[in-house]
Amino acid sequence: MGGGRRQASDTIDYSVGFTDMARLGDSIDGQRPLAVIHAKDEASWQEAAKAVKAAIILDDKAPASTPSVYRRITE
């Protein structure tokens, strides 16, 4: 979509991205979108919507709680 970089020299498009994303454990009722996608064109929107749908699992059971700190990296 253009909102990130692959290399430090890449330009960022600040008008694209995601807002209002559903969080882990949120109750979804069909009235609220899973996320709001800000895309520069329809093709980019379709690609982002596909990625969001693939990343989210809807289930009747609440997910297991996750720790606030996933992993500590020390070197």
PDB file of N, CA and C in Angstrom:
ATOM      1  N   MET A   1       0.816  -1.197   0.000  1.00  0.00           N
ATOM      2  CA  MET A   1       0.000   0.000   0.000  1.00  0.00           C
ATOM      3  C   MET A   1       0.859   1.260   0.000  1.00  0.00           C
ATOM      4  N   GLY A   2       2.107   1.145   0.427  1.00  0.00           N
ATOM      5  CA  GLY A   2       2.997   2.295   0.401  1.00  0.00           C
ATOM      6  C   GLY A   2       3.209   2.961   1.750  1.00  0.00           C
ATOM      7  N   GLY A   3       2.623   2.395   2.811  1.00  0.00           N
ATOM      8  CA  GLY A   3       2.756   3.000   4.132  1.00  0.00           C
ATOM      9  C   GLY A   3       3.978   2.545   4.898  1.00  0.00           C
ATOM     10  N   GLY A   4       4.815   1.723   4.289  1.00  0.00           N
ATOM     11  CA  GLY A   4       6.016   1.226   4.964  1.00  0.00           C
ATOM     12  C   GLY A   4       7.199   1.266   4.025  1.00  0.00           C
ATOM     13  N   ARG A   5       8.315   0.843   4.535  1.00  0.00           N
ATOM     14  CA  ARG A   5       9.541   0.842   3.737  1.00  0.00           C
ATOM     15  C   ARG A   5      10.125  -0.556   3.657  1.00  0.00           C
ATOM     16  N   ARG A   6      10.714  -0.868   2.533  1.00  0.00           N
ATOM     17  CA  ARG A   6      11.528  -2.075   2.401  1.00  0.00           C
ATOM     18  C   ARG A   6      12.997  -1.694   2.536  1.00  0.00           C
ATOM     19  N   GLN A   7      13.315  -0.476   2.124  1.00  0.00           N
ATOM     20  CA  GLN A   7      14.672   0.059   2.233  1.00  0.00           C
ATOM     21  C   GLN A   7      14.577   1.464   2.832  1.00  0.00           C
ATOM     22  N   ALA A   8      15.646   1.911   3.463  1.00  0.00           N
ATOM     23  CA  ALA A   8      15.646   3.234   4.099  1.00  0.00           C
ATOM     24  C   ALA A   8      15.368   4.350   3.097  1.00  0.00           C
ATOM     25  N   SER A   9      15.697   4.142   1.835  1.00  0.00           N
ATOM     26  CA  SER A   9      15.500   5.178   0.821  1.00  0.00           C
ATOM     27  C   SER A   9      14.070   5.225   0.279  1.00  0.00           C
ATOM     28  N   ASP A  10      13.226   4.230   0.606  1.00  0.00           N
ATOM     29  CA  ASP A  10      11.843   4.203   0.117  1.00  0.00           C
ATOM     30  C   ASP A  10      11.038   5.362   0.699  1.00  0.00           C
ATOM     31  N   THR A  11      10.109   5.873  -0.086  1.00  0.00           N
ATOM     32  CA  THR A  11       9.220   6.942   0.352  1.00  0.00           C
ATOM     33  C   THR A  11       8.005   6.338   1.046  1.00  0.00           C
ATOM     34  N   ILE A  12       7.553   6.975   2.123  1.00  0.00           N
ATOM     35  CA  ILE A  12       6.367   6.515   2.854  1.00  0.00           C
ATOM     36  C   ILE A  12       5.167   7.347   2.425  1.00  0.00           C
ATOM     37  N   ASP A  13       4.063   6.684   2.106  1.00  0.00           N
ATOM     38  CA  ASP A  13       2.801   7.361   1.805  1.00  0.00           C
ATOM     39  C   ASP A  13       1.992   7.388   3.101  1.00  0.00           C
ATOM     40  N   TYR A  14       1.941   8.540   3.764  1.00  0.00           N
ATOM     41  CA  TYR A  14       1.276   8.662   5.057  1.00  0.00           C
ATOM     42  C   TYR A  14      -0.249   8.642   4.954  1.00  0.00           C
ATOM     43  N   SER A  15      -0.796   8.645   3.750  1.00  0.00           N
ATOM     44  CA  SER A  15      -2.251   8.632   3.595  1.00  0.00           C
ATOM     45  C   SER A  15      -2.828   7.217   3.586  1.00  0.00           C
ATOM     46  N   VAL A  16      -1.981   6.189   3.589  1.00  0.00           N
ATOM     47  CA  VAL A  16      -2.470   4.811   3.552  1.00  0.00           C
ATOM     48  C   VAL A  16      -2.160   4.102   4.864  1.00  0.00           C
ATOM     49  N   GLY A  17      -2.930   3.040   5.124  1.00  0.00           N
ATOM     50  CA  GLY A  17      -2.687   2.245   6.329  1.00  0.00           C
ATOM     51  C   GLY A  17      -3.985   1.707   6.900  1.00  0.00           C
ATOM     52  N   PHE A  18      -3.933   1.310   8.162  1.00  0.00           N
ATOM     53  CA  PHE A  18      -5.080   0.725   8.849  1.00  0.00           C
ATOM     54  C   PHE A  18      -5.395   1.536  10.097  1.00  0.00           C
ATOM     55  N   THR A  19      -6.680   1.688  10.388  1.00  0.00           N
ATOM     56  CA  THR A  19      -7.118   2.287  11.649  1.00  0.00           C
ATOM     57  C   THR A  19      -8.264   1.450  12.198  1.00  0.00           C
ATOM     58  N   ASP A  20      -8.573   1.672  13.456  1.00  0.00           N
ATOM     59  CA  ASP A  20      -9.724   1.034  14.115  1.00  0.00           C
ATOM     60  C   ASP A  20      -9.711  -0.484  13.974  1.00  0.00           C
ATOM     61  N   MET A  21      -8.549  -1.100  14.119  1.00  0.00           N
ATOM     62  CA  MET A  21      -8.430  -2.557  13.998  1.00  0.00           C
ATOM     63  C   MET A  21      -9.051  -3.248  15.209  1.00  0.00           C
ATOM     64  N   ALA A  22      -9.765  -4.335  14.957  1.00  0.00           N
ATOM     65  CA  ALA A  22     -10.266  -5.170  16.046  1.00  0.00           C
ATOM     66  C   ALA A  22      -9.065  -5.747  16.781  1.00  0.00           C
ATOM     67  N   ARG A  23      -9.173  -5.832  18.103  1.00  0.00           N
ATOM     68  CA  ARG A  23      -8.065  -6.356  18.908  1.00  0.00           C
ATOM     69  C   ARG A  23      -8.356  -7.779  19.345  1.00  0.00           C
ATOM     70  N   LEU A  24      -7.325  -8.468  19.761  1.00  0.00           N
ATOM     71  CA  LEU A  24      -7.451  -9.826  20.257  1.00  0.00           C
ATOM     72  C   LEU A  24      -8.470  -9.858  21.393  1.00  0.00           C
ATOM     73  N   GLY A  25      -9.476 -10.696  21.254  1.00  0.00           N
ATOM     74  CA  GLY A  25     -10.491 -10.849  22.289  1.00  0.00           C
ATOM     75  C   GLY A  25     -11.683  -9.922  22.158  1.00  0.00           C
ATOM     76  N   ASP A  26     -11.672  -8.986  21.203  1.00  0.00           N
ATOM     77  CA  ASP A  26     -12.819  -8.099  21.011  1.00  0.00           C
ATOM     78  C   ASP A  26     -14.045  -8.898  20.603  1.00  0.00           C
ATOM     79  N   SER A  27     -15.193  -8.469  21.082  1.00  0.00           N
ATOM     80  CA  SER A  27     -16.452  -9.064  20.656  1.00  0.00           C
ATOM     81  C   SER A  27     -16.833  -8.436  19.314  1.00  0.00           C
ATOM     82  N   ILE A  28     -17.079  -9.269  18.337  1.00  0.00           N
ATOM     83  CA  ILE A  28     -17.429  -8.803  16.993  1.00  0.00           C
ATOM     84  C   ILE A  28     -18.897  -9.134  16.755  1.00  0.00           C
ATOM     85  N   ASP A  29     -19.684  -8.121  16.407  1.00  0.00           N
ATOM     86  CA  ASP A  29     -21.123  -8.333  16.272  1.00  0.00           C
ATOM     87  C   ASP A  29     -21.651  -8.175  14.850  1.00  0.00           C
ATOM     88  N   GLY A  30     -20.794  -7.933  13.899  1.00  0.00           N
ATOM     89  CA  GLY A  30     -21.246  -7.759  12.524  1.00  0.00           C
ATOM     90  C   GLY A  30     -21.610  -6.322  12.193  1.00  0.00           C
ATOM     91  N   GLN A  31     -21.670  -5.449  13.194  1.00  0.00           N
ATOM     92  CA  GLN A  31     -21.982  -4.043  12.965  1.00  0.00           C
ATOM     93  C   GLN A  31     -20.711  -3.200  12.815  1.00  0.00           C
ATOM     94  N   ARG A  32     -19.665  -3.649  13.449  1.00  0.00           N
ATOM     95  CA  ARG A  32     -18.392  -2.920  13.447  1.00  0.00           C
ATOM     96  C   ARG A  32     -17.430  -3.593  12.474  1.00  0.00           C
ATOM     97  N   PRO A  33     -16.717  -2.819  11.641  1.00  0.00           N
ATOM     98  CA  PRO A  33     -15.742  -3.434  10.738  1.00  0.00           C
ATOM     99  C   PRO A  33     -14.553  -3.998  11.504  1.00  0.00           C
ATOM    100  N   LEU A  34     -13.896  -4.999  10.943  1.00  0.00           N
ATOM    101  CA  LEU A  34     -12.697  -5.566  11.561  1.00  0.00           C
ATOM    102  C   LEU A  34     -11.544  -4.566  11.523  1.00  0.00           C
ATOM    103  N   ALA A  35     -11.536  -3.706  10.521  1.00  0.00           N
ATOM    104  CA  ALA A  35     -10.518  -2.661  10.384  1.00  0.00           C
ATOM    105  C   ALA A  35     -10.998  -1.666   9.334  1.00  0.00           C
ATOM    106  N   VAL A  36     -10.472  -0.462   9.404  1.00  0.00           N
ATOM    107  CA  VAL A  36     -10.703   0.525   8.356  1.00  0.00           C
ATOM    108  C   VAL A  36      -9.410   0.590   7.548  1.00  0.00           C
ATOM    109  N   ILE A  37      -9.533   0.358   6.246  1.00  0.00           N
ATOM    110  CA  ILE A  37      -8.369   0.333   5.355  1.00  0.00           C
ATOM    111  C   ILE A  37      -8.335   1.633   4.560  1.00  0.00           C
ATOM    112  N   HIS A  38      -7.215   2.330   4.636  1.00  0.00           N
ATOM    113  CA  HIS A  38      -7.013   3.560   3.871  1.00  0.00           C
ATOM    114  C   HIS A  38      -6.034   3.205   2.750  1.00  0.00           C
ATOM    115  N   ALA A  39      -6.538   3.122   1.523  1.00  0.00           N
ATOM    116  CA  ALA A  39      -5.715   2.701   0.383  1.00  0.00           C
ATOM    117  C   ALA A  39      -5.768   3.757  -0.718  1.00  0.00           C
ATOM    118  N   LYS A  40      -4.748   3.742  -1.572  1.00  0.00           N
ATOM    119  CA  LYS A  40      -4.679   4.736  -2.646  1.00  0.00           C
ATOM    120  C   LYS A  40      -5.536   4.371  -3.848  1.00  0.00           C
ATOM    121  N   ASP A  41      -5.891   3.077  -3.989  1.00  0.00           N
ATOM    122  CA  ASP A  41      -6.731   2.654  -5.106  1.00  0.00           C
ATOM    123  C   ASP A  41      -7.444   1.345  -4.751  1.00  0.00           C
ATOM    124  N   GLU A  42      -8.373   0.954  -5.595  1.00  0.00           N
ATOM    125  CA  GLU A  42      -9.190  -0.239  -5.346  1.00  0.00           C
ATOM    126  C   GLU A  42      -8.350  -1.510  -5.265  1.00  0.00           C
ATOM    127  N   ALA A  43      -7.362  -1.641  -6.145  1.00  0.00           N
ATOM    128  CA  ALA A  43      -6.521  -2.847  -6.141  1.00  0.00           C
ATOM    129  C   ALA A  43      -5.754  -2.975  -4.825  1.00  0.00           C
ATOM    130  N   SER A  44      -5.213  -1.869  -4.335  1.00  0.00           N
ATOM    131  CA  SER A  44      -4.503  -1.888  -3.052  1.00  0.00           C
ATOM    132  C   SER A  44      -5.458  -2.218  -1.918  1.00  0.00           C
ATOM    133  N   TRP A  45      -6.668  -1.675  -1.989  1.00  0.00           N
ATOM    134  CA  TRP A  45      -7.670  -1.959  -0.956  1.00  0.00           C
ATOM    135  C   TRP A  45      -8.019  -3.448  -0.955  1.00  0.00           C
ATOM    136  N   GLN A  46      -8.227  -4.020  -2.126  1.00  0.00           N
ATOM    137  CA  GLN A  46      -8.570  -5.440  -2.223  1.00  0.00           C
ATOM    138  C   GLN A  46      -7.461  -6.314  -1.636  1.00  0.00           C
ATOM    139  N   GLU A  47      -6.218  -5.988  -1.945  1.00  0.00           N
ATOM    140  CA  GLU A  47      -5.079  -6.756  -1.433  1.00  0.00           C
ATOM    141  C   GLU A  47      -4.996  -6.651   0.095  1.00  0.00           C
ATOM    142  N   ALA A  48      -5.188  -5.447   0.622  1.00  0.00           N
ATOM    143  CA  ALA A  48      -5.138  -5.253   2.076  1.00  0.00           C
ATOM    144  C   ALA A  48      -6.301  -5.963   2.766  1.00  0.00           C
ATOM    145  N   ALA A  49      -7.489  -5.902   2.175  1.00  0.00           N
ATOM    146  CA  ALA A  49      -8.653  -6.575   2.762  1.00  0.00           C
ATOM    147  C   ALA A  49      -8.435  -8.083   2.816  1.00  0.00           C
ATOM    148  N   LYS A  50      -7.842  -8.636   1.785  1.00  0.00           N
ATOM    149  CA  LYS A  50      -7.535 -10.069   1.761  1.00  0.00           C
ATOM    150  C   LYS A  50      -6.558 -10.426   2.883  1.00  0.00           C
ATOM    151  N   ALA A  51      -5.542  -9.583   3.092  1.00  0.00           N
ATOM    152  CA  ALA A  51      -4.556  -9.832   4.153  1.00  0.00           C
ATOM    153  C   ALA A  51      -5.196  -9.745   5.535  1.00  0.00           C
ATOM    154  N   VAL A  52      -6.079  -8.770   5.741  1.00  0.00           N
ATOM    155  CA  VAL A  52      -6.764  -8.630   7.036  1.00  0.00           C
ATOM    156  C   VAL A  52      -7.625  -9.858   7.301  1.00  0.00           C
ATOM    157  N   LYS A  53      -8.388 -10.281   6.320  1.00  0.00           N
ATOM    158  CA  LYS A  53      -9.251 -11.460   6.493  1.00  0.00           C
ATOM    159  C   LYS A  53      -8.434 -12.708   6.805  1.00  0.00           C
ATOM    160  N   ALA A  54      -7.267 -12.843   6.185  1.00  0.00           N
ATOM    161  CA  ALA A  54      -6.417 -14.014   6.424  1.00  0.00           C
ATOM    162  C   ALA A  54      -5.775 -13.979   7.809  1.00  0.00           C
ATOM    163  N   ALA A  55      -5.602 -12.786   8.366  1.00  0.00           N
ATOM    164  CA  ALA A  55      -4.907 -12.642   9.648  1.00  0.00           C
ATOM    165  C   ALA A  55      -5.831 -12.777  10.853  1.00  0.00           C
ATOM    166  N   ILE A  56      -7.137 -12.698  10.649  1.00  0.00           N
ATOM    167  CA  ILE A  56      -8.084 -12.695  11.766  1.00  0.00           C
ATOM    168  C   ILE A  56      -8.872 -13.995  11.791  1.00  0.00           C
ATOM    169  N   ILE A  57      -8.976 -14.574  12.977  1.00  0.00           N
ATOM    170  CA  ILE A  57      -9.768 -15.787  13.178  1.00  0.00           C
ATOM    171  C   ILE A  57     -10.963 -15.425  14.049  1.00  0.00           C
ATOM    172  N   LEU A  58     -12.162 -15.716  13.567  1.00  0.00           N
ATOM    173  CA  LEU A  58     -13.377 -15.483  14.343  1.00  0.00           C
ATOM    174  C   LEU A  58     -13.806 -16.799  14.967  1.00  0.00           C
ATOM    175  N   ASP A  59     -14.122 -16.763  16.267  1.00  0.00           N
ATOM    176  CA  ASP A  59     -14.488 -17.974  16.991  1.00  0.00           C
ATOM    177  C   ASP A  59     -15.470 -17.609  18.092  1.00  0.00           C
ATOM    178  N   ASP A  60     -16.292 -18.568  18.500  1.00  0.00           N
ATOM    179  CA  ASP A  60     -17.237 -18.339  19.592  1.00  0.00           C
ATOM    180  C   ASP A  60     -16.546 -18.306  20.945  1.00  0.00           C
ATOM    181  N   LYS A  61     -15.373 -18.923  21.046  1.00  0.00           N
ATOM    182  CA  LYS A  61     -14.638 -18.977  22.310  1.00  0.00           C
ATOM    183  C   LYS A  61     -13.644 -17.822  22.394  1.00  0.00           C
ATOM    184  N   ALA A  62     -13.467 -17.311  23.607  1.00  0.00           N
ATOM    185  CA  ALA A  62     -12.462 -16.266  23.820  1.00  0.00           C
ATOM    186  C   ALA A  62     -11.072 -16.875  23.659  1.00  0.00           C
ATOM    187  N   PRO A  63     -10.128 -16.119  23.126  1.00  0.00           N
ATOM    188  CA  PRO A  63      -8.769 -16.651  22.964  1.00  0.00           C
ATOM    189  C   PRO A  63      -8.075 -16.785  24.314  1.00  0.00           C
ATOM    190  N   ALA A  64      -7.075 -17.640  24.362  1.00  0.00           N
ATOM    191  CA  ALA A  64      -6.254 -17.756  25.570  1.00  0.00           C
ATOM    192  C   ALA A  64      -5.546 -16.423  25.784  1.00  0.00           C
ATOM    193  N   SER A  65      -5.391 -16.041  27.033  1.00  0.00           N
ATOM    194  CA  SER A  65      -4.728 -14.765  27.299  1.00  0.00           C
ATOM    195  C   SER A  65      -3.263 -14.854  26.875  1.00  0.00           C
ATOM    196  N   THR A  66      -2.754 -13.742  26.438  1.00  0.00           N
ATOM    197  CA  THR A  66      -1.361 -13.680  26.005  1.00  0.00           C
ATOM    198  C   THR A  66      -0.587 -12.771  26.953  1.00  0.00           C
ATOM    199  N   PRO A  67       0.687 -13.050  27.162  1.00  0.00           N
ATOM    200  CA  PRO A  67       1.472 -12.209  28.071  1.00  0.00           C
ATOM    201  C   PRO A  67       1.708 -10.820  27.472  1.00  0.00           C
ATOM    202  N   SER A  68       1.858  -9.827  28.331  1.00  0.00           N
ATOM    203  CA  SER A  68       2.141  -8.468  27.857  1.00  0.00           C
ATOM    204  C   SER A  68       3.505  -8.400  27.182  1.00  0.00           C
ATOM    205  N   VAL A  69       4.458  -9.140  27.722  1.00  0.00           N
ATOM    206  CA  VAL A  69       5.791  -9.222  27.121  1.00  0.00           C
ATOM    207  C   VAL A  69       5.906 -10.608  26.516  1.00  0.00           C
ATOM    208  N   TYR A  70       6.012 -10.670  25.209  1.00  0.00           N
ATOM    209  CA  TYR A  70       6.052 -11.957  24.523  1.00  0.00           C
ATOM    210  C   TYR A  70       7.392 -12.641  24.714  1.00  0.00           C
ATOM    211  N   ARG A  71       8.462 -11.895  24.508  1.00  0.00           N
ATOM    212  CA  ARG A  71       9.794 -12.479  24.602  1.00  0.00           C
ATOM    213  C   ARG A  71      10.790 -11.360  24.898  1.00  0.00           C
ATOM    214  N   ARG A  72      11.768 -11.665  25.706  1.00  0.00           N
ATOM    215  CA  ARG A  72      12.812 -10.700  26.034  1.00  0.00           C
ATOM    216  C   ARG A  72      14.064 -11.064  25.240  1.00  0.00           C
ATOM    217  N   ILE A  73      14.624 -10.096  24.559  1.00  0.00           N
ATOM    218  CA  ILE A  73      15.823 -10.328  23.756  1.00  0.00           C
ATOM    219  C   ILE A  73      17.007  -9.710  24.493  1.00  0.00           C
ATOM    220  N   THR A  74      17.991 -10.544  24.773  1.00  0.00           N
ATOM    221  CA  THR A  74      19.198 -10.040  25.437  1.00  0.00           C
ATOM    222  C   THR A  74      20.421 -10.507  24.664  1.00  0.00           C
ATOM    223  N   GLU A  75      21.393  -9.667  24.593  1.00  0.00           N
ATOM    224  CA  GLU A  75      22.648 -10.018  23.910  1.00  0.00           C
ATOM    225  C   GLU A  75      23.806  -9.375  24.610  1.00  0.00           C
TER     226      GLU A  75
END
